[in-house]
Amino acid sequence: MDHRIARSTVRVRGFHLDGYAHVNNARYLEFLEEGRWAYFEQQFDLAALFNEGLAVVTVNLNINYRRAAVIHDDLEILSSLSKISGRHAVMHQVINRVSDGKRIADADFTFVVLDTRTGRSLRIDEKLRSVLEPLVLEVEE
């Protein structure tokens, strides 16, 4: 698998389900967050960033729900950087059911880099851009 893509998995448990016996829409936020943590842990030294007073903060999340996931489904979350802009970046994420490869959901997560000392987002300068740009992967639908 391309090193620019982080892969994580989660098994659907009973507490993930709603009254219709499929994964509650809010739980997908948790699954996607797990995927983002896996991505950032794979690509960056998060402790070092935090020690420098930097944090990644969500500013927008758009999810497309494609199919229902049910109890005991194993889901694969694929996360990759898809766009860098002046003050933000976008991560594209896909959730697939492992057993048949069917897409369950996909999402675009927009984030900023925050200076934790000032509480303000930072411009993505040349230094940060030089780290992020090699990680960008075009989104395939």
N, C-alpha and C. Protein backbone atom coordinates (compact mmCIF):
# COMPACT_ATOMS: atom_id res chain seq x y z
N MET A 1 0.85 -1.18 0.00
CA MET A 1 0.00 0.00 0.00
C MET A 1 0.90 1.25 0.00
N ASP A 2 0.45 2.26 -0.66
CA ASP A 2 1.15 3.54 -0.75
C ASP A 2 1.42 4.08 0.66
N HIS A 3 2.65 4.50 0.93
CA HIS A 3 3.00 4.99 2.27
C HIS A 3 2.27 6.28 2.63
N ARG A 4 1.64 6.94 1.68
CA ARG A 4 0.89 8.17 1.94
C ARG A 4 -0.52 7.89 2.43
N ILE A 5 -0.88 6.61 2.48
CA ILE A 5 -2.21 6.21 2.95
C ILE A 5 -2.06 5.46 4.26
N ALA A 6 -2.79 5.90 5.28
CA ALA A 6 -2.81 5.17 6.56
C ALA A 6 -4.03 4.26 6.55
N ARG A 7 -3.82 3.05 7.04
CA ARG A 7 -4.88 2.06 7.11
C ARG A 7 -5.12 1.70 8.57
N SER A 8 -6.37 1.73 8.98
CA SER A 8 -6.73 1.25 10.31
C SER A 8 -8.02 0.46 10.17
N THR A 9 -8.30 -0.36 11.15
CA THR A 9 -9.52 -1.17 11.10
C THR A 9 -10.28 -1.06 12.41
N VAL A 10 -11.55 -1.31 12.32
CA VAL A 10 -12.42 -1.35 13.50
C VAL A 10 -13.47 -2.42 13.26
N ARG A 11 -13.83 -3.15 14.30
CA ARG A 11 -14.92 -4.13 14.23
C ARG A 11 -16.17 -3.48 14.82
N VAL A 12 -17.27 -3.62 14.11
CA VAL A 12 -18.54 -3.06 14.58
C VAL A 12 -19.03 -3.90 15.75
N ARG A 13 -19.30 -3.23 16.84
CA ARG A 13 -19.80 -3.86 18.08
C ARG A 13 -21.24 -3.41 18.32
N GLY A 14 -21.89 -4.08 19.24
CA GLY A 14 -23.28 -3.75 19.55
C GLY A 14 -23.50 -2.31 19.98
N PHE A 15 -22.55 -1.75 20.71
CA PHE A 15 -22.73 -0.38 21.19
C PHE A 15 -22.57 0.66 20.08
N HIS A 16 -22.14 0.26 18.89
CA HIS A 16 -22.06 1.16 17.74
C HIS A 16 -23.41 1.31 17.03
N LEU A 17 -24.35 0.41 17.33
CA LEU A 17 -25.60 0.32 16.58
C LEU A 17 -26.69 1.24 17.13
N ASP A 18 -27.60 1.60 16.23
CA ASP A 18 -28.78 2.36 16.65
C ASP A 18 -29.99 1.42 16.67
N GLY A 19 -31.16 1.98 16.82
CA GLY A 19 -32.38 1.19 16.91
C GLY A 19 -32.72 0.43 15.64
N TYR A 20 -32.07 0.75 14.53
CA TYR A 20 -32.31 0.06 13.27
C TYR A 20 -31.29 -1.06 13.02
N ALA A 21 -30.45 -1.33 14.03
CA ALA A 21 -29.46 -2.41 14.00
C ALA A 21 -28.35 -2.18 12.98
N HIS A 22 -28.10 -0.91 12.65
CA HIS A 22 -26.91 -0.59 11.85
C HIS A 22 -26.14 0.52 12.56
N VAL A 23 -24.92 0.76 12.13
CA VAL A 23 -24.07 1.73 12.80
C VAL A 23 -24.74 3.10 12.80
N ASN A 24 -24.82 3.69 13.96
CA ASN A 24 -25.36 5.03 14.11
C ASN A 24 -24.47 6.03 13.40
N ASN A 25 -25.07 7.01 12.74
CA ASN A 25 -24.27 7.97 11.96
C ASN A 25 -23.21 8.67 12.78
N ALA A 26 -23.46 8.96 14.04
CA ALA A 26 -22.47 9.65 14.87
C ALA A 26 -21.23 8.79 15.12
N ARG A 27 -21.39 7.47 15.10
CA ARG A 27 -20.25 6.58 15.34
C ARG A 27 -19.23 6.66 14.21
N TYR A 28 -19.69 7.01 13.01
CA TYR A 28 -18.74 7.14 11.90
C TYR A 28 -17.72 8.25 12.18
N LEU A 29 -18.14 9.26 12.93
CA LEU A 29 -17.20 10.31 13.32
C LEU A 29 -16.04 9.72 14.13
N GLU A 30 -16.37 8.78 15.03
CA GLU A 30 -15.34 8.13 15.83
C GLU A 30 -14.44 7.25 14.96
N PHE A 31 -15.03 6.52 14.04
CA PHE A 31 -14.24 5.66 13.15
C PHE A 31 -13.28 6.50 12.31
N LEU A 32 -13.79 7.61 11.79
CA LEU A 32 -12.94 8.49 10.98
C LEU A 32 -11.85 9.13 11.83
N GLU A 33 -12.18 9.48 13.06
CA GLU A 33 -11.16 10.06 13.94
C GLU A 33 -10.05 9.04 14.22
N GLU A 34 -10.43 7.80 14.42
CA GLU A 34 -9.44 6.73 14.60
C GLU A 34 -8.51 6.67 13.38
N GLY A 35 -9.09 6.78 12.20
CA GLY A 35 -8.29 6.79 10.98
C GLY A 35 -7.34 7.99 10.91
N ARG A 36 -7.82 9.14 11.34
CA ARG A 36 -6.95 10.33 11.32
C ARG A 36 -5.80 10.20 12.31
N TRP A 37 -6.09 9.66 13.49
CA TRP A 37 -5.01 9.44 14.46
C TRP A 37 -3.96 8.49 13.87
N ALA A 38 -4.42 7.43 13.23
CA ALA A 38 -3.49 6.49 12.61
C ALA A 38 -2.64 7.20 11.56
N TYR A 39 -3.27 8.05 10.77
CA TYR A 39 -2.54 8.79 9.73
C TYR A 39 -1.47 9.70 10.35
N PHE A 40 -1.88 10.51 11.31
CA PHE A 40 -0.93 11.46 11.89
C PHE A 40 0.18 10.75 12.66
N GLU A 41 -0.13 9.64 13.30
CA GLU A 41 0.91 8.86 13.98
C GLU A 41 1.89 8.26 12.98
N GLN A 42 1.41 7.86 11.82
CA GLN A 42 2.26 7.27 10.79
C GLN A 42 3.16 8.31 10.15
N GLN A 43 2.63 9.52 9.93
CA GLN A 43 3.36 10.52 9.16
C GLN A 43 4.15 11.53 10.00
N PHE A 44 3.78 11.73 11.25
CA PHE A 44 4.37 12.79 12.06
C PHE A 44 4.68 12.32 13.47
N ASP A 45 5.60 13.00 14.11
CA ASP A 45 5.88 12.80 15.53
C ASP A 45 4.95 13.74 16.28
N LEU A 46 3.78 13.23 16.68
CA LEU A 46 2.77 14.08 17.30
C LEU A 46 3.25 14.70 18.61
N ALA A 47 4.03 13.96 19.37
CA ALA A 47 4.55 14.51 20.63
C ALA A 47 5.45 15.71 20.36
N ALA A 48 6.29 15.61 19.34
CA ALA A 48 7.18 16.72 19.00
C ALA A 48 6.37 17.94 18.55
N LEU A 49 5.33 17.71 17.74
CA LEU A 49 4.49 18.83 17.31
C LEU A 49 3.83 19.50 18.50
N PHE A 50 3.29 18.68 19.41
CA PHE A 50 2.65 19.23 20.61
C PHE A 50 3.64 20.02 21.45
N ASN A 51 4.85 19.48 21.58
CA ASN A 51 5.89 20.18 22.35
C ASN A 51 6.29 21.50 21.71
N GLU A 52 6.10 21.61 20.39
CA GLU A 52 6.37 22.87 19.70
C GLU A 52 5.18 23.81 19.78
N GLY A 53 4.12 23.39 20.45
CA GLY A 53 2.94 24.22 20.60
C GLY A 53 2.01 24.18 19.41
N LEU A 54 2.03 23.07 18.66
CA LEU A 54 1.19 22.93 17.47
C LEU A 54 0.16 21.83 17.67
N ALA A 55 -1.00 22.03 17.08
CA ALA A 55 -2.05 21.01 17.12
C ALA A 55 -2.82 21.06 15.81
N VAL A 56 -3.38 19.93 15.42
CA VAL A 56 -4.24 19.83 14.24
C VAL A 56 -5.68 19.93 14.74
N VAL A 57 -6.44 20.87 14.16
CA VAL A 57 -7.79 21.14 14.64
C VAL A 57 -8.78 21.05 13.47
N THR A 58 -9.87 20.35 13.69
CA THR A 58 -10.93 20.21 12.69
C THR A 58 -11.67 21.53 12.51
N VAL A 59 -11.87 21.91 11.24
CA VAL A 59 -12.71 23.08 10.96
C VAL A 59 -13.92 22.71 10.11
N ASN A 60 -13.89 21.55 9.45
CA ASN A 60 -15.02 21.12 8.65
C ASN A 60 -14.91 19.62 8.39
N LEU A 61 -16.05 18.94 8.38
CA LEU A 61 -16.07 17.52 8.05
C LEU A 61 -17.34 17.23 7.26
N ASN A 62 -17.15 16.69 6.06
CA ASN A 62 -18.28 16.31 5.20
C ASN A 62 -18.25 14.81 4.99
N ILE A 63 -19.36 14.15 5.31
CA ILE A 63 -19.44 12.69 5.20
C ILE A 63 -20.53 12.30 4.21
N ASN A 64 -20.20 11.33 3.36
CA ASN A 64 -21.18 10.70 2.48
C ASN A 64 -21.40 9.29 3.00
N TYR A 65 -22.63 8.99 3.41
CA TYR A 65 -22.97 7.65 3.87
C TYR A 65 -23.43 6.85 2.66
N ARG A 66 -22.75 5.75 2.36
CA ARG A 66 -23.02 4.98 1.14
C ARG A 66 -23.83 3.71 1.40
N ARG A 67 -23.47 2.98 2.46
CA ARG A 67 -24.14 1.72 2.81
C ARG A 67 -24.16 1.58 4.34
N ALA A 68 -25.04 0.75 4.82
CA ALA A 68 -25.10 0.48 6.26
C ALA A 68 -24.04 -0.54 6.64
N ALA A 69 -23.43 -0.33 7.78
CA ALA A 69 -22.55 -1.33 8.40
C ALA A 69 -23.32 -1.91 9.58
N VAL A 70 -23.12 -3.21 9.82
CA VAL A 70 -23.86 -3.90 10.86
C VAL A 70 -22.90 -4.64 11.80
N ILE A 71 -23.47 -5.20 12.85
CA ILE A 71 -22.66 -5.86 13.88
C ILE A 71 -21.73 -6.91 13.26
N HIS A 72 -20.53 -6.94 13.75
CA HIS A 72 -19.44 -7.85 13.38
C HIS A 72 -18.80 -7.53 12.03
N ASP A 73 -19.26 -6.48 11.35
CA ASP A 73 -18.53 -6.06 10.15
C ASP A 73 -17.15 -5.56 10.57
N ASP A 74 -16.14 -5.96 9.84
CA ASP A 74 -14.81 -5.37 10.00
C ASP A 74 -14.70 -4.27 8.96
N LEU A 75 -14.35 -3.08 9.42
CA LEU A 75 -14.27 -1.93 8.54
C LEU A 75 -12.83 -1.45 8.44
N GLU A 76 -12.44 -1.07 7.24
CA GLU A 76 -11.11 -0.54 6.99
C GLU A 76 -11.26 0.95 6.72
N ILE A 77 -10.47 1.76 7.44
CA ILE A 77 -10.48 3.21 7.24
C ILE A 77 -9.17 3.58 6.55
N LEU A 78 -9.28 4.19 5.37
CA LEU A 78 -8.12 4.63 4.60
C LEU A 78 -8.10 6.15 4.65
N SER A 79 -6.96 6.70 5.03
CA SER A 79 -6.84 8.15 5.20
C SER A 79 -5.62 8.66 4.46
N SER A 80 -5.82 9.75 3.71
CA SER A 80 -4.71 10.36 2.98
C SER A 80 -4.95 11.85 2.82
N LEU A 81 -3.88 12.59 2.73
CA LEU A 81 -3.94 14.03 2.51
C LEU A 81 -4.30 14.27 1.05
N SER A 82 -5.29 15.14 0.79
CA SER A 82 -5.72 15.35 -0.60
C SER A 82 -5.55 16.78 -1.10
N LYS A 83 -5.35 17.73 -0.20
CA LYS A 83 -5.24 19.12 -0.65
C LYS A 83 -4.56 19.97 0.42
N ILE A 84 -3.77 20.92 -0.04
CA ILE A 84 -3.16 21.91 0.86
C ILE A 84 -3.49 23.28 0.31
N SER A 85 -3.88 24.16 1.21
CA SER A 85 -4.23 25.51 0.83
C SER A 85 -3.40 26.47 1.68
N GLY A 86 -3.70 27.74 1.65
CA GLY A 86 -2.92 28.72 2.41
C GLY A 86 -2.96 28.55 3.92
N ARG A 87 -4.15 28.26 4.45
CA ARG A 87 -4.31 28.15 5.90
C ARG A 87 -4.88 26.80 6.35
N HIS A 88 -5.25 25.96 5.40
CA HIS A 88 -5.84 24.68 5.80
C HIS A 88 -5.41 23.57 4.84
N ALA A 89 -5.72 22.36 5.26
CA ALA A 89 -5.45 21.18 4.42
C ALA A 89 -6.67 20.27 4.53
N VAL A 90 -6.79 19.37 3.55
CA VAL A 90 -7.93 18.45 3.51
C VAL A 90 -7.41 17.01 3.49
N MET A 91 -8.00 16.19 4.33
CA MET A 91 -7.72 14.76 4.33
C MET A 91 -8.95 14.05 3.79
N HIS A 92 -8.74 13.16 2.84
CA HIS A 92 -9.83 12.34 2.31
C HIS A 92 -9.79 11.00 3.03
N GLN A 93 -10.95 10.52 3.44
CA GLN A 93 -11.04 9.25 4.14
C GLN A 93 -12.13 8.39 3.52
N VAL A 94 -11.86 7.09 3.50
CA VAL A 94 -12.80 6.12 2.97
C VAL A 94 -12.96 5.00 3.99
N ILE A 95 -14.19 4.58 4.20
CA ILE A 95 -14.47 3.42 5.05
C ILE A 95 -15.03 2.33 4.15
N ASN A 96 -14.35 1.20 4.11
CA ASN A 96 -14.78 0.04 3.33
C ASN A 96 -15.05 -1.14 4.25
N ARG A 97 -16.02 -1.97 3.86
CA ARG A 97 -16.24 -3.24 4.57
C ARG A 97 -15.18 -4.21 4.08
N VAL A 98 -14.46 -4.84 4.98
CA VAL A 98 -13.34 -5.72 4.63
C VAL A 98 -13.83 -6.95 3.85
N SER A 99 -14.95 -7.55 4.26
CA SER A 99 -15.38 -8.82 3.67
C SER A 99 -15.68 -8.74 2.18
N ASP A 100 -16.21 -7.61 1.71
CA ASP A 100 -16.57 -7.52 0.30
C ASP A 100 -15.99 -6.29 -0.40
N GLY A 101 -15.25 -5.46 0.34
CA GLY A 101 -14.64 -4.28 -0.25
C GLY A 101 -15.61 -3.16 -0.57
N LYS A 102 -16.87 -3.30 -0.20
CA LYS A 102 -17.88 -2.28 -0.51
C LYS A 102 -17.63 -1.02 0.32
N ARG A 103 -17.80 0.12 -0.33
CA ARG A 103 -17.63 1.40 0.36
C ARG A 103 -18.83 1.66 1.26
N ILE A 104 -18.54 1.95 2.50
CA ILE A 104 -19.56 2.25 3.50
C ILE A 104 -19.77 3.76 3.60
N ALA A 105 -18.67 4.50 3.60
CA ALA A 105 -18.74 5.96 3.70
C ALA A 105 -17.43 6.55 3.19
N ASP A 106 -17.49 7.82 2.86
CA ASP A 106 -16.27 8.56 2.57
C ASP A 106 -16.45 9.97 3.11
N ALA A 107 -15.34 10.62 3.37
CA ALA A 107 -15.42 11.93 4.01
C ALA A 107 -14.22 12.79 3.63
N ASP A 108 -14.44 14.08 3.71
CA ASP A 108 -13.36 15.05 3.57
C ASP A 108 -13.29 15.85 4.86
N PHE A 109 -12.12 15.82 5.46
CA PHE A 109 -11.84 16.42 6.76
C PHE A 109 -10.91 17.60 6.53
N THR A 110 -11.39 18.81 6.80
CA THR A 110 -10.58 20.01 6.64
C THR A 110 -10.03 20.40 8.01
N PHE A 111 -8.73 20.68 8.03
CA PHE A 111 -8.09 21.02 9.30
C PHE A 111 -7.13 22.19 9.15
N VAL A 112 -6.84 22.82 10.27
CA VAL A 112 -5.82 23.86 10.34
C VAL A 112 -4.78 23.41 11.35
N VAL A 113 -3.61 24.04 11.25
CA VAL A 113 -2.58 23.85 12.25
C VAL A 113 -2.71 25.02 13.21
N LEU A 114 -2.90 24.70 14.47
CA LEU A 114 -3.16 25.70 15.50
C LEU A 114 -1.93 25.93 16.35
N ASP A 115 -1.64 27.17 16.64
CA ASP A 115 -0.63 27.53 17.63
C ASP A 115 -1.34 27.48 18.98
N THR A 116 -1.02 26.48 19.80
CA THR A 116 -1.74 26.28 21.06
C THR A 116 -1.47 27.39 22.07
N ARG A 117 -0.40 28.13 21.87
CA ARG A 117 -0.09 29.23 22.81
C ARG A 117 -0.97 30.44 22.54
N THR A 118 -1.29 30.69 21.27
CA THR A 118 -2.10 31.86 20.93
C THR A 118 -3.55 31.51 20.61
N GLY A 119 -3.80 30.24 20.30
CA GLY A 119 -5.15 29.83 19.92
C GLY A 119 -5.51 30.22 18.50
N ARG A 120 -4.53 30.59 17.70
CA ARG A 120 -4.77 31.03 16.33
C ARG A 120 -4.23 30.01 15.33
N SER A 121 -4.92 29.92 14.21
CA SER A 121 -4.43 29.03 13.16
C SER A 121 -3.23 29.66 12.48
N LEU A 122 -2.35 28.81 11.98
CA LEU A 122 -1.12 29.27 11.34
C LEU A 122 -1.25 29.16 9.83
N ARG A 123 -0.60 30.05 9.15
CA ARG A 123 -0.49 29.97 7.70
C ARG A 123 0.41 28.77 7.40
N ILE A 124 0.09 28.02 6.36
CA ILE A 124 0.94 26.90 5.97
C ILE A 124 2.10 27.49 5.18
N ASP A 125 3.20 27.71 5.90
CA ASP A 125 4.37 28.37 5.31
C ASP A 125 5.19 27.39 4.48
N GLU A 126 6.27 27.87 3.90
CA GLU A 126 7.10 27.03 3.01
C GLU A 126 7.64 25.81 3.73
N LYS A 127 8.06 25.97 4.98
CA LYS A 127 8.62 24.84 5.74
C LYS A 127 7.57 23.74 5.93
N LEU A 128 6.40 24.13 6.39
CA LEU A 128 5.33 23.15 6.61
C LEU A 128 4.84 22.59 5.27
N ARG A 129 4.73 23.43 4.27
CA ARG A 129 4.29 22.98 2.95
C ARG A 129 5.26 21.94 2.38
N SER A 130 6.56 22.13 2.61
CA SER A 130 7.55 21.18 2.09
C SER A 130 7.41 19.80 2.75
N VAL A 131 6.87 19.77 3.96
CA VAL A 131 6.62 18.50 4.65
C VAL A 131 5.32 17.87 4.14
N LEU A 132 4.29 18.69 3.94
CA LEU A 132 2.98 18.18 3.58
C LEU A 132 2.82 17.82 2.11
N GLU A 133 3.37 18.63 1.22
CA GLU A 133 3.14 18.40 -0.21
C GLU A 133 3.50 17.01 -0.71
N PRO A 134 4.62 16.42 -0.27
CA PRO A 134 4.92 15.06 -0.75
C PRO A 134 3.91 14.00 -0.30
N LEU A 135 3.07 14.35 0.67
CA LEU A 135 2.08 13.41 1.19
C LEU A 135 0.74 13.47 0.46
N VAL A 136 0.54 14.51 -0.37
CA VAL A 136 -0.74 14.69 -1.05
C VAL A 136 -0.95 13.59 -2.08
N LEU A 137 -2.14 13.02 -2.03
CA LEU A 137 -2.54 11.96 -2.94
C LEU A 137 -3.87 12.37 -3.56
N GLU A 138 -3.95 12.33 -4.88
CA GLU A 138 -5.20 12.70 -5.54
C GLU A 138 -6.31 11.72 -5.17
N VAL A 139 -7.49 12.27 -4.99
CA VAL A 139 -8.65 11.46 -4.60
C VAL A 139 -9.21 10.75 -5.83
N GLU A 140 -9.45 9.44 -5.69
CA GLU A 140 -10.09 8.66 -6.73
C GLU A 140 -11.48 8.29 -6.26
N GLU A 141 -12.46 8.61 -7.05
CA GLU A 141 -13.85 8.29 -6.67
C GLU A 141 -14.30 6.99 -7.27
